[in-house]
Amino acid sequence: MIFEIDDKDTQLQIRQLRNSIAQAQLTRDSNMKDLQSGTVTAPIDGEILDLQIKEGDSLSNNGTLLTITDKSKLKLLVSFNNTYRDKLSVGQKVSVKAYDTGRDELHIIDGSISGISTPSYTTSDGAEVYNVGVIIENSSSLAEGMVGSVECNIDGVIVKSNGSSTLNFLKSMTVKASSGGIVSTLNVENGQNVMKGDILAELNNEDLQLTIQTNDLKLEDLHSQLQTAEEKLLDYKIYAPFDGTFTLNDIEQGNSIKQGDILGSVANYDTMEFYIDVDELDIAKIQVGQDAKITIDAITETNDSPLKGAVTKIAVEGSSSNGVSTYPVTVQIEENPALKGGMNANAEIVVNQKTDVLYVPVDAVQKRNGKSFVSVVSGAGRVGRNSNGGANSASNSEGTAEVKKQENTEQTIEMREVQTGISTEDYIEIVSGLKEGEAVVVTSVSSSGNNRQNSMMIMGAPPTGGGNNFRRDN
């Protein structure tokens, strides 16, 4: 790590965003719970009573829909004298006398003690009593509102409750809407029996749905802000992108900086590279990994012993100037302690190479109708070495072909078709059509551009091979 910037403002922003997200999530959970409560289900088994809604009705929060009553059991609360308190217990069987005042009928049924009150209390006439709860199984003959009394057998003695009380159904619940809405579906009617969990009605709350959607958008935005802030936090610690030497700009600890300020630079002088521009006609021949011979203007010995290099990158887009497009090619140079940043470098990239080939000067080959031809010298005349070179000679640094001066006018010229191969700016490979030792005519133009001079070259095979080397200087 090179630098660490004070990040307290961003840390505070992150904490605030996380709190906002937590609050928005709680709101969403509450709204979703209210939305889900739009599906109203039966809380108990029982019969639908007192249905107060119909489809299309609008309900407010906590609005009453209906009542569900479980008529299978009834309860009765009566009092007994305190004398028998220790003789009674929960679960003990008792006899219940229920009187239907409307029909003037008396029903005697079994029941069981469900609870005994603690402590006892004193009645208005001075008697000390306690309450006993009794549960009665309904055989469909009993109804809420009947008057009942209880008798129990205690050690062979029938003990009666102090007076009577009203029978009530054991379970009865009023169903209310947890959230407001429009009754879109109603699945029950009065008198219908339902099971716990049955769907009674569906409420549609469009306002609540819109609130949830708005809250979800807010949550999404908050998460996006948090992600951006957390990513920004990473920028407060600045690390070296690679191994190298760091150069610090004019800055000290405690200075204030702004976005975009340059704090320093990192350079790795172990691995250096430079760029060359390659002509559009040659760029297709360049490939990543090709070897390059590097000469450095400031290091003169590289003229005789070039440094090694390799192509590491080829631009996919070029630039055009005066109708010619060129493409930047990156060349990496092998490590050399004498190299310094900013030195001028030149690269020669070998794009193709063959050994043991025949070749002639490019000027010896003529193109006609898509075919290649050379002028071959034949006849009884003598071919001698040109001693003064100049415009009548061509030299080859490989020393594999010799230019001869024609000294016998009895020799003849034969136009022969040849097949060519790779080439450089000066020489071109002859694949077929000529033999080693044959002499060809090389046509050159004088400096005035008006006079042509012919010379002969005897074909030969180079001992080390010809190379097709494209050189581009940077």
Protein backbone atom coordinates (compact mmCIF):
# COMPACT_ATOMS: atom_id res chain seq x y z
CA MET A 1 0.00 0.00 0.00
CA ILE A 2 1.37 3.42 -0.99
CA PHE A 3 -1.26 5.81 0.37
CA GLU A 4 -4.18 5.68 2.80
CA ILE A 5 -6.72 8.53 2.60
CA ASP A 6 -9.00 9.54 5.48
CA ASP A 7 -12.32 7.75 4.89
CA LYS A 8 -14.38 8.82 7.94
CA ASP A 9 -16.98 10.67 5.83
CA THR A 10 -17.59 7.65 3.64
CA GLN A 11 -17.72 5.35 6.69
CA LEU A 12 -20.42 7.61 8.19
CA GLN A 13 -22.34 7.54 4.92
CA ILE A 14 -22.22 3.73 4.87
CA ARG A 15 -23.56 3.48 8.45
CA GLN A 16 -26.40 5.87 7.64
CA LEU A 17 -27.30 3.92 4.49
CA ARG A 18 -27.35 0.62 6.38
CA ASN A 19 -29.67 2.12 9.01
CA SER A 20 -31.96 3.47 6.29
CA ILE A 21 -32.05 0.05 4.64
CA ALA A 22 -32.94 -1.64 7.95
CA GLN A 23 -35.78 0.82 8.56
CA ALA A 24 -37.11 0.44 5.02
CA GLN A 25 -36.98 -3.35 5.37
CA LEU A 26 -39.00 -3.24 8.60
CA THR A 27 -41.59 -1.07 6.88
CA ARG A 28 -41.75 -3.48 3.96
CA ASP A 29 -42.16 -6.51 6.25
CA SER A 30 -45.02 -4.78 8.06
CA ASN A 31 -46.71 -3.82 4.81
CA MET A 32 -46.33 -7.34 3.42
CA LYS A 33 -47.88 -8.75 6.59
CA ASP A 34 -50.83 -6.38 6.16
CA LEU A 35 -51.12 -7.31 2.49
CA GLN A 36 -51.09 -11.01 3.29
CA SER A 37 -53.78 -10.39 5.90
CA GLY A 38 -56.01 -9.42 3.00
CA THR A 39 -56.60 -13.17 2.78
CA VAL A 40 -58.94 -13.75 5.72
CA THR A 41 -58.92 -17.29 7.15
CA ALA A 42 -60.99 -19.02 9.84
CA PRO A 43 -59.23 -18.88 13.22
CA ILE A 44 -61.25 -21.83 14.64
CA ASP A 45 -63.61 -24.59 13.58
CA GLY A 46 -67.22 -23.52 13.79
CA GLU A 47 -70.34 -22.06 12.25
CA ILE A 48 -70.51 -18.71 10.47
CA LEU A 49 -72.74 -16.32 12.37
CA ASP A 50 -73.53 -12.66 12.03
CA LEU A 51 -72.00 -12.19 8.53
CA GLN A 52 -71.72 -8.41 8.04
CA ILE A 53 -70.10 -8.03 4.59
CA LYS A 54 -70.71 -8.77 0.93
CA GLU A 55 -68.49 -8.63 -2.15
CA GLY A 56 -67.60 -5.07 -3.16
CA ASP A 57 -67.85 -3.67 0.36
CA SER A 58 -65.06 -1.42 1.60
CA LEU A 59 -63.56 -2.27 4.97
CA SER A 60 -61.39 -0.09 7.17
CA ASN A 61 -58.62 -1.37 9.39
CA ASN A 62 -60.03 -3.58 12.17
CA GLY A 63 -63.43 -3.71 10.45
CA THR A 64 -65.72 -6.61 11.47
CA LEU A 65 -66.47 -9.28 8.87
CA LEU A 66 -68.34 -12.04 10.77
CA THR A 67 -68.44 -14.27 13.84
CA ILE A 68 -67.45 -17.94 14.02
CA THR A 69 -68.89 -20.06 16.83
CA ASP A 70 -67.90 -23.60 17.80
CA LYS A 71 -71.21 -25.15 18.93
CA SER A 72 -69.74 -28.54 19.77
CA LYS A 73 -69.00 -27.55 23.38
CA LEU A 74 -70.52 -25.23 25.94
CA LYS A 75 -69.23 -23.84 29.20
CA LEU A 76 -70.92 -23.11 32.49
CA LEU A 77 -69.57 -21.22 35.51
CA VAL A 78 -71.22 -21.97 38.90
CA SER A 79 -70.23 -21.62 42.54
CA PHE A 80 -69.89 -24.22 45.33
CA ASN A 81 -69.57 -23.82 49.08
CA ASN A 82 -65.99 -23.68 50.26
CA THR A 83 -66.65 -26.77 52.42
CA TYR A 84 -66.18 -29.01 49.37
CA ARG A 85 -63.20 -27.26 47.87
CA ASP A 86 -60.71 -30.01 48.58
CA LYS A 87 -63.15 -32.64 47.33
CA LEU A 88 -63.34 -31.32 43.76
CA SER A 89 -60.65 -31.51 41.05
CA VAL A 90 -60.15 -30.64 37.39
CA GLY A 91 -61.42 -33.37 35.10
CA GLN A 92 -63.90 -34.69 37.64
CA LYS A 93 -67.22 -35.82 36.09
CA VAL A 94 -70.36 -33.90 37.04
CA SER A 95 -74.06 -33.84 36.09
CA VAL A 96 -75.49 -30.72 34.44
CA LYS A 97 -79.16 -29.78 34.40
CA ALA A 98 -79.87 -27.38 31.53
CA TYR A 99 -83.27 -25.74 31.25
CA ASP A 100 -84.58 -24.44 27.93
CA THR A 101 -86.89 -21.61 29.02
CA GLY A 102 -88.22 -21.10 25.50
CA ARG A 103 -89.42 -24.67 25.16
CA ASP A 104 -89.81 -25.37 28.85
CA GLU A 105 -87.55 -28.41 28.56
CA LEU A 106 -85.03 -29.80 31.01
CA HIS A 107 -81.91 -31.55 29.75
CA ILE A 108 -79.65 -33.60 31.99
CA ILE A 109 -76.21 -34.18 30.50
CA ASP A 110 -72.72 -35.10 31.65
CA GLY A 111 -69.91 -32.56 31.99
CA SER A 112 -66.41 -32.26 33.44
CA ILE A 113 -64.71 -29.70 35.67
CA SER A 114 -62.38 -27.51 33.64
CA GLY A 115 -61.18 -25.17 36.37
CA ILE A 116 -61.50 -24.16 40.04
CA SER A 117 -61.03 -20.54 41.07
CA THR A 118 -58.50 -19.37 43.61
CA PRO A 119 -59.11 -17.82 46.08
CA SER A 120 -62.68 -18.16 47.34
CA TYR A 121 -64.97 -15.18 47.84
CA THR A 122 -67.89 -14.28 50.13
CA THR A 123 -71.40 -13.78 48.78
CA SER A 124 -73.83 -11.07 49.86
CA ASP A 125 -75.50 -13.44 52.32
CA GLY A 126 -72.17 -14.22 54.01
CA ALA A 127 -71.49 -17.62 52.42
CA GLU A 128 -67.89 -18.43 51.46
CA VAL A 129 -67.86 -19.92 47.95
CA TYR A 130 -65.57 -20.54 44.98
CA ASN A 131 -66.28 -20.78 41.24
CA VAL A 132 -66.11 -24.00 39.28
CA GLY A 133 -65.93 -24.09 35.45
CA VAL A 134 -67.65 -26.96 33.66
CA ILE A 135 -67.40 -28.01 30.00
CA ILE A 136 -70.31 -29.80 28.34
CA GLU A 137 -70.27 -31.79 25.11
CA ASN A 138 -73.18 -30.60 22.94
CA SER A 139 -75.40 -33.27 21.48
CA SER A 140 -77.11 -30.59 19.37
CA SER A 141 -79.93 -30.32 21.95
CA LEU A 142 -78.26 -27.54 23.90
CA ALA A 143 -78.08 -23.90 22.98
CA GLU A 144 -76.40 -20.77 24.24
CA GLY A 145 -78.56 -18.93 26.79
CA MET A 146 -79.99 -21.96 28.57
CA VAL A 147 -79.86 -21.89 32.37
CA GLY A 148 -77.85 -24.66 34.02
CA SER A 149 -76.88 -26.00 37.43
CA VAL A 150 -74.35 -28.65 38.47
CA GLU A 151 -74.46 -31.66 40.79
CA CYS A 152 -71.53 -33.86 41.77
CA ASN A 153 -71.03 -36.97 43.84
CA ILE A 154 -68.63 -36.40 46.73
CA ASP A 155 -68.02 -39.50 48.85
CA GLY A 156 -71.49 -40.80 48.05
CA VAL A 157 -73.14 -37.48 48.80
CA ILE A 158 -74.78 -35.46 45.99
CA VAL A 159 -73.56 -31.89 46.27
CA LYS A 160 -75.33 -29.15 44.29
CA SER A 161 -73.97 -25.85 43.07
CA ASN A 162 -75.12 -22.63 44.69
CA GLY A 163 -77.76 -21.55 42.20
CA SER A 164 -77.50 -21.65 38.41
CA SER A 165 -75.83 -19.78 35.53
CA THR A 166 -76.17 -19.22 31.79
CA LEU A 167 -74.62 -21.63 29.27
CA ASN A 168 -72.27 -20.16 26.65
CA PHE A 169 -70.55 -21.72 23.70
CA LEU A 170 -66.94 -22.57 24.59
CA LYS A 171 -65.39 -20.92 21.51
CA SER A 172 -66.76 -17.94 19.63
CA MET A 173 -64.60 -15.40 17.78
CA THR A 174 -65.32 -12.20 15.92
CA VAL A 175 -63.25 -12.02 12.71
CA LYS A 176 -61.90 -8.56 11.83
CA ALA A 177 -59.81 -7.20 8.96
CA SER A 178 -56.18 -6.54 9.91
CA SER A 179 -55.93 -4.05 7.06
CA GLY A 180 -58.49 -2.16 5.06
CA GLY A 181 -59.51 -2.94 1.52
CA ILE A 182 -62.27 -3.91 -0.88
CA VAL A 183 -63.94 -7.32 -0.43
CA SER A 184 -63.06 -8.91 -3.77
CA THR A 185 -64.11 -12.48 -2.88
CA LEU A 186 -66.50 -13.85 -0.21
CA ASN A 187 -66.48 -17.64 0.21
CA VAL A 188 -68.99 -18.18 3.09
CA GLU A 189 -72.52 -17.41 4.18
CA ASN A 190 -74.41 -17.43 7.47
CA GLY A 191 -74.88 -20.88 9.01
CA GLN A 192 -72.03 -22.45 7.05
CA ASN A 193 -69.60 -24.65 8.97
CA VAL A 194 -65.89 -24.04 8.34
CA MET A 195 -62.62 -25.57 9.47
CA LYS A 196 -59.73 -23.66 10.96
CA GLY A 197 -57.58 -22.22 8.12
CA ASP A 198 -60.37 -22.11 5.53
CA ILE A 199 -60.29 -18.93 3.39
CA LEU A 200 -63.30 -16.83 4.29
CA ALA A 201 -62.73 -13.75 2.12
CA GLU A 202 -60.17 -11.88 0.00
CA LEU A 203 -59.52 -8.14 0.44
CA ASN A 204 -57.86 -6.04 -2.26
CA ASN A 205 -55.86 -3.05 -1.00
CA GLU A 206 -54.46 -1.17 -4.00
CA ASP A 207 -53.10 1.66 -1.86
CA LEU A 208 -51.09 -0.81 0.21
CA GLN A 209 -49.77 -2.51 -2.92
CA LEU A 210 -48.63 0.87 -4.28
CA THR A 211 -46.95 1.64 -0.95
CA ILE A 212 -45.05 -1.66 -1.10
CA GLN A 213 -43.90 -1.01 -4.69
CA THR A 214 -42.71 2.48 -3.74
CA ASN A 215 -40.88 1.09 -0.72
CA ASP A 216 -39.23 -1.60 -2.87
CA LEU A 217 -37.91 1.08 -5.24
CA LYS A 218 -36.55 2.99 -2.27
CA LEU A 219 -34.84 -0.16 -0.98
CA GLU A 220 -33.29 -0.83 -4.38
CA ASP A 221 -31.95 2.71 -4.53
CA LEU A 222 -30.53 2.47 -1.01
CA HIS A 223 -28.77 -0.82 -1.82
CA SER A 224 -27.31 0.77 -4.94
CA GLN A 225 -26.04 3.74 -2.93
CA LEU A 226 -24.54 1.39 -0.35
CA GLN A 227 -22.75 -0.65 -3.01
CA THR A 228 -21.32 2.53 -4.55
CA ALA A 229 -20.16 3.79 -1.15
CA GLU A 230 -18.52 0.45 -0.28
CA GLU A 231 -16.75 0.37 -3.64
CA LYS A 232 -15.63 3.96 -3.10
CA LEU A 233 -14.21 2.93 0.27
CA LEU A 234 -11.73 0.68 -1.55
CA ASP A 235 -10.29 3.74 -3.30
CA TYR A 236 -9.12 5.22 -0.01
CA LYS A 237 -6.29 2.70 0.11
CA ILE A 238 -3.99 3.04 -2.88
CA TYR A 239 -1.79 0.07 -3.79
CA ALA A 240 1.04 -0.21 -6.30
CA PRO A 241 -0.32 -1.73 -9.53
CA PHE A 242 2.91 -3.67 -10.04
CA ASP A 243 6.45 -4.02 -8.66
CA GLY A 244 8.65 -1.06 -9.38
CA THR A 245 10.07 2.26 -8.21
CA PHE A 246 7.64 4.86 -6.83
CA THR A 247 8.23 8.56 -7.36
CA LEU A 248 6.30 10.83 -4.98
CA ASN A 249 4.91 14.16 -6.13
CA ASP A 250 5.06 17.27 -3.96
CA ILE A 251 2.65 16.09 -1.25
CA GLU A 252 2.91 15.46 2.49
CA GLN A 253 0.89 13.61 5.11
CA GLY A 254 -2.08 15.71 6.20
CA ASN A 255 -2.42 17.58 2.89
CA SER A 256 -5.88 17.88 1.39
CA ILE A 257 -6.34 16.34 -2.05
CA LYS A 258 -9.20 16.25 -4.52
CA GLN A 259 -10.37 13.68 -7.01
CA GLY A 260 -8.03 13.42 -9.99
CA ASP A 261 -4.90 14.71 -8.24
CA ILE A 262 -1.74 12.84 -9.26
CA LEU A 263 0.09 11.67 -6.16
CA GLY A 264 3.04 10.01 -7.83
CA SER A 265 4.05 7.39 -10.37
CA VAL A 266 5.29 3.79 -10.41
CA ALA A 267 7.75 2.52 -12.99
CA ASN A 268 9.29 -0.94 -13.50
CA TYR A 269 12.56 -0.57 -15.35
CA ASP A 270 13.14 -4.32 -15.43
CA THR A 271 10.59 -4.67 -18.22
CA MET A 272 10.46 -1.90 -20.81
CA GLU A 273 8.42 -1.51 -23.97
CA PHE A 274 7.83 0.95 -26.77
CA TYR A 275 5.42 1.42 -29.64
CA ILE A 276 5.98 1.39 -33.38
CA ASP A 277 3.54 2.29 -36.14
CA VAL A 278 3.08 -0.46 -38.76
CA ASP A 279 1.65 0.28 -42.21
CA GLU A 280 -1.79 -1.17 -42.99
CA LEU A 281 -0.23 -3.25 -45.81
CA ASP A 282 2.06 -5.00 -43.33
CA ILE A 283 -0.07 -5.18 -40.17
CA ALA A 284 -1.67 -8.50 -41.19
CA LYS A 285 1.81 -10.07 -41.10
CA ILE A 286 2.44 -9.00 -37.50
CA GLN A 287 1.47 -11.40 -34.71
CA VAL A 288 1.83 -11.36 -30.94
CA GLY A 289 4.91 -13.30 -29.91
CA GLN A 290 6.98 -12.55 -33.02
CA ASP A 291 10.65 -11.83 -32.36
CA ALA A 292 12.07 -8.37 -32.91
CA LYS A 293 15.59 -6.96 -33.19
CA ILE A 294 15.94 -3.74 -31.21
CA THR A 295 18.47 -0.97 -31.72
CA ILE A 296 18.79 1.96 -29.33
CA ASP A 297 20.08 5.27 -30.71
CA ALA A 298 21.82 6.11 -27.43
CA ILE A 299 23.43 2.64 -27.13
CA THR A 300 25.60 2.41 -30.27
CA GLU A 301 26.68 -1.19 -29.70
CA THR A 302 23.12 -2.31 -30.37
CA ASN A 303 23.69 -1.45 -34.05
CA ASP A 304 26.00 -4.46 -34.31
CA SER A 305 24.38 -6.56 -31.58
CA PRO A 306 20.66 -5.73 -31.46
CA LEU A 307 18.71 -6.37 -28.29
CA LYS A 308 16.07 -9.06 -28.32
CA GLY A 309 12.41 -8.16 -28.14
CA ALA A 310 8.96 -9.54 -28.85
CA VAL A 311 5.60 -8.24 -30.02
CA THR A 312 3.21 -8.16 -27.03
CA LYS A 313 0.21 -6.21 -28.33
CA ILE A 314 -1.33 -5.18 -31.63
CA ALA A 315 -3.89 -2.37 -31.71
CA VAL A 316 -7.27 -3.22 -33.24
CA GLU A 317 -7.78 0.36 -34.37
CA GLY A 318 -5.32 2.51 -36.25
CA SER A 319 -4.93 6.15 -37.22
CA SER A 320 -4.93 7.67 -40.70
CA SER A 321 -2.68 10.42 -42.02
CA ASN A 322 -2.42 11.56 -45.66
CA GLY A 323 -4.51 8.59 -46.75
CA VAL A 324 -2.22 6.02 -45.07
CA SER A 325 -3.38 4.05 -42.03
CA THR A 326 -0.96 2.80 -39.40
CA TYR A 327 -1.45 0.61 -36.36
CA PRO A 328 0.45 0.88 -33.05
CA VAL A 329 2.34 -2.30 -32.18
CA THR A 330 3.80 -2.80 -28.69
CA VAL A 331 7.29 -4.32 -28.50
CA GLN A 332 8.76 -5.47 -25.18
CA ILE A 333 12.54 -5.34 -24.75
CA GLU A 334 14.66 -7.80 -22.81
CA GLU A 335 16.13 -6.50 -19.57
CA ASN A 336 19.22 -4.34 -20.07
CA PRO A 337 20.78 -2.15 -17.33
CA ALA A 338 21.81 0.46 -19.88
CA LEU A 339 18.20 1.18 -20.90
CA LYS A 340 16.59 4.35 -19.64
CA GLY A 341 13.07 5.61 -19.96
CA GLY A 342 12.64 8.02 -22.87
CA MET A 343 15.41 6.62 -25.09
CA ASN A 344 14.68 6.33 -28.84
CA ALA A 345 14.32 2.71 -30.00
CA ASN A 346 13.97 1.04 -33.40
CA ALA A 347 12.50 -2.39 -34.10
CA GLU A 348 12.92 -4.85 -36.94
CA ILE A 349 10.25 -7.57 -36.77
CA VAL A 350 10.88 -10.88 -38.54
CA VAL A 351 7.49 -11.86 -39.96
CA ASN A 352 8.69 -14.77 -42.13
CA GLN A 353 11.97 -16.58 -42.71
CA LYS A 354 13.23 -19.32 -45.01
CA THR A 355 16.61 -20.99 -45.40
CA ASP A 356 18.45 -22.32 -48.49
CA VAL A 357 16.38 -20.45 -51.08
CA LEU A 358 17.14 -18.88 -54.49
CA TYR A 359 16.43 -15.20 -54.83
CA VAL A 360 16.99 -12.31 -57.20
CA PRO A 361 16.70 -8.54 -56.89
CA VAL A 362 13.11 -7.33 -56.95
CA ASP A 363 13.99 -5.25 -60.06
CA ALA A 364 14.73 -8.47 -61.97
CA VAL A 365 11.11 -9.65 -61.79
CA GLN A 366 8.47 -8.28 -64.13
CA LYS A 367 4.73 -8.67 -63.63
CA ARG A 368 2.47 -9.34 -66.60
CA ASN A 369 -1.19 -10.38 -66.42
CA GLY A 370 -0.78 -11.65 -62.91
CA LYS A 371 2.29 -13.73 -63.75
CA SER A 372 5.98 -13.20 -62.89
CA PHE A 373 8.80 -13.23 -65.48
CA VAL A 374 12.58 -12.78 -65.47
CA SER A 375 15.01 -12.22 -68.39
CA VAL A 376 17.50 -15.10 -68.47
CA VAL A 377 20.84 -14.64 -70.31
CA SER A 378 21.88 -17.59 -72.52
CA GLY A 379 24.35 -18.22 -75.40
CA ALA A 380 28.07 -18.82 -76.02
CA GLY A 381 29.31 -15.50 -74.77
CA ARG A 382 31.52 -14.99 -71.73
CA VAL A 383 30.27 -13.49 -68.55
CA GLY A 384 32.84 -11.58 -66.52
CA ARG A 385 32.79 -9.88 -63.07
CA ASN A 386 32.05 -6.19 -62.98
CA SER A 387 35.01 -4.62 -61.29
CA ASN A 388 33.71 -1.12 -60.66
CA GLY A 389 30.11 -1.79 -59.44
CA GLY A 390 28.14 1.46 -59.58
CA ALA A 391 24.95 1.63 -61.57
CA ASN A 392 25.77 -1.58 -63.40
CA SER A 393 26.02 -3.78 -60.33
CA ALA A 394 23.87 -5.00 -57.48
CA SER A 395 25.31 -6.14 -54.19
CA ASN A 396 23.90 -8.64 -51.71
CA SER A 397 24.98 -8.56 -48.10
CA GLU A 398 24.56 -12.34 -47.96
CA GLY A 399 27.19 -12.77 -50.77
CA THR A 400 25.10 -15.36 -52.59
CA ALA A 401 24.52 -13.81 -56.02
CA GLU A 402 26.89 -12.00 -58.33
CA VAL A 403 26.16 -9.29 -60.88
CA LYS A 404 27.93 -9.79 -64.20
CA LYS A 405 28.54 -7.41 -67.04
CA GLN A 406 27.58 -8.62 -70.46
CA GLU A 407 30.75 -8.53 -72.66
CA ASN A 408 29.69 -10.71 -75.61
CA THR A 409 26.90 -9.45 -77.80
CA GLU A 410 26.30 -13.00 -79.12
CA GLN A 411 24.48 -13.91 -75.92
CA THR A 412 20.64 -13.96 -76.06
CA ILE A 413 17.91 -12.99 -73.63
CA GLU A 414 15.05 -15.44 -72.78
CA MET A 415 11.86 -14.25 -71.07
CA ARG A 416 10.98 -17.00 -68.59
CA GLU A 417 7.99 -17.38 -66.27
CA VAL A 418 8.89 -18.01 -62.60
CA GLN A 419 7.04 -18.67 -59.37
CA THR A 420 7.97 -16.28 -56.57
CA GLY A 421 7.81 -16.60 -52.80
CA ILE A 422 8.53 -14.30 -49.88
CA SER A 423 10.33 -11.01 -50.39
CA THR A 424 12.00 -8.07 -48.71
CA GLU A 425 12.22 -4.51 -50.00
CA ASP A 426 15.27 -5.50 -52.15
CA TYR A 427 15.04 -9.25 -52.88
CA ILE A 428 12.41 -11.78 -53.83
CA GLU A 429 12.45 -15.58 -53.50
CA ILE A 430 12.35 -17.72 -56.71
CA VAL A 431 10.44 -20.92 -55.96
CA SER A 432 10.62 -22.40 -59.47
CA GLY A 433 11.63 -21.44 -63.02
CA LEU A 434 15.36 -20.74 -62.43
CA LYS A 435 18.41 -22.74 -61.45
CA GLU A 436 21.38 -21.82 -59.39
CA GLY A 437 24.08 -20.30 -61.60
CA GLU A 438 21.78 -18.93 -64.28
CA ALA A 439 22.20 -15.23 -65.08
CA VAL A 440 19.27 -12.81 -65.11
CA VAL A 441 18.97 -9.25 -66.32
CA VAL A 442 18.33 -6.59 -63.68
CA THR A 443 16.75 -3.40 -64.99
CA SER A 444 17.50 -0.23 -63.04
CA VAL A 445 16.59 3.40 -63.61
CA SER A 446 19.25 6.12 -63.50
CA SER A 447 19.03 9.02 -61.13
CA SER A 448 17.60 11.20 -63.89
CA GLY A 449 14.72 8.74 -64.22
CA ASN A 450 15.07 8.66 -68.06
CA ASN A 451 17.85 6.16 -68.75
CA ARG A 452 17.60 2.43 -68.09
CA GLN A 453 20.69 0.25 -67.54
CA ASN A 454 20.81 -3.52 -67.63
CA SER A 455 23.11 -5.75 -65.63
CA MET A 456 23.24 -9.50 -65.12
CA MET A 457 23.11 -11.51 -61.92
CA ILE A 458 24.11 -15.15 -61.66
CA MET A 459 21.59 -17.04 -59.51
CA GLY A 460 22.93 -18.63 -56.36
CA ALA A 461 21.69 -20.26 -53.18
CA PRO A 462 22.67 -18.39 -49.97
CA PRO A 463 24.59 -20.40 -47.41
CA THR A 464 22.49 -19.14 -44.50
CA GLY A 465 19.14 -18.40 -46.20
CA GLY A 466 17.23 -15.27 -47.09
CA GLY A 467 15.00 -13.57 -44.59
CA ASN A 468 11.85 -11.58 -45.13
CA ASN A 469 12.48 -8.89 -42.53
CA PHE A 470 10.21 -5.86 -42.25
CA ARG A 471 11.88 -2.98 -40.46
CA ARG A 472 9.96 -0.13 -38.90
CA ASP A 473 11.70 2.66 -37.01
CA ASN A 474 10.17 4.51 -34.10
